[in-house]
């Protein structure tokens, strides 16, 4: 069961990466530099998640409330 979940997640992340690559190409073709940059950052992020270099979620740890 866990293997099926991990496979589905990997397939979903691979699909997202593919779509982000296509969107980045479209943004670059339209000379939307900032949009292309932000999409590129998302592409890199999903690549890192796939390789296990980044967690799926960020900011879930409690912060100190003292300023």
Protein backbone atom coordinates (compact mmCIF):
# COMPACT_ATOMS: atom_id res chain seq x y z
CA UNK A 1 0.00 0.00 0.00
CA UNK A 2 2.78 2.45 0.90
CA UNK A 3 4.57 1.58 -2.34
CA UNK A 4 1.45 2.47 -4.32
CA UNK A 5 1.24 5.83 -2.51
CA UNK A 6 4.90 6.61 -3.18
CA UNK A 7 4.55 5.60 -6.85
CA UNK A 8 1.46 7.80 -7.28
CA UNK A 9 3.23 10.72 -5.60
CA UNK A 10 6.29 10.29 -7.82
CA UNK A 11 4.09 10.13 -10.92
CA UNK A 12 2.28 13.30 -9.84
CA UNK A 13 5.53 15.15 -9.16
CA UNK A 14 6.96 14.02 -12.51
CA UNK A 15 3.83 15.32 -14.25
CA UNK A 16 4.05 18.64 -12.41
CA UNK A 17 7.69 18.99 -13.39
CA UNK A 18 6.84 18.36 -17.01
CA UNK A 19 4.05 20.94 -16.99
CA UNK A 20 6.26 23.50 -15.26
CA UNK A 21 8.91 22.99 -17.93
CA UNK A 22 6.36 23.66 -20.64
CA UNK A 23 5.00 26.72 -18.84
CA UNK A 24 8.50 28.09 -18.41
CA UNK A 25 9.12 27.72 -22.15
CA UNK A 26 5.86 29.53 -22.90
CA UNK A 27 6.67 32.35 -20.48
CA UNK A 28 10.13 32.78 -22.00
CA UNK A 29 8.66 32.84 -25.52
CA UNK A 30 6.34 35.66 -24.44
CA UNK A 31 9.25 37.48 -22.76
CA UNK A 32 7.61 37.33 -19.35
CA UNK A 33 10.90 37.28 -17.48
CA UNK A 34 9.62 37.40 -13.91
CA UNK A 35 6.97 34.78 -14.59
CA UNK A 36 9.56 32.54 -16.28
CA UNK A 37 11.85 32.98 -13.28
CA UNK A 38 9.14 32.07 -10.76
CA UNK A 39 8.13 29.03 -12.79
CA UNK A 40 11.79 28.02 -12.98
CA UNK A 41 12.03 28.22 -9.20
CA UNK A 42 8.99 25.94 -8.93
CA UNK A 43 10.60 23.56 -11.43
CA UNK A 44 13.77 23.43 -9.31
CA UNK A 45 11.72 22.94 -6.14
CA UNK A 46 9.83 19.95 -7.54
CA UNK A 47 13.13 18.51 -8.81
CA UNK A 48 14.57 18.78 -5.31
CA UNK A 49 11.50 17.09 -3.81
CA UNK A 50 11.73 14.23 -6.31
CA UNK A 51 15.39 13.70 -5.40
CA UNK A 52 14.55 13.83 -1.70
CA UNK A 53 16.61 16.97 -1.08
CA UNK A 54 13.65 19.01 0.20
CA UNK A 55 10.67 18.13 2.39
CA UNK A 56 7.19 18.13 0.90
CA UNK A 57 6.07 20.72 3.43
CA UNK A 58 7.87 23.67 4.92
CA UNK A 59 7.12 25.76 7.98
CA UNK A 60 5.50 22.99 9.97
CA UNK A 61 7.94 23.35 12.85
CA UNK A 62 6.89 25.67 15.65
CA UNK A 63 8.81 28.91 15.88
CA UNK A 64 9.94 30.71 18.98
CA UNK A 65 7.47 33.45 19.80
CA UNK A 66 10.07 35.70 21.40
CA UNK A 67 11.12 38.58 19.18
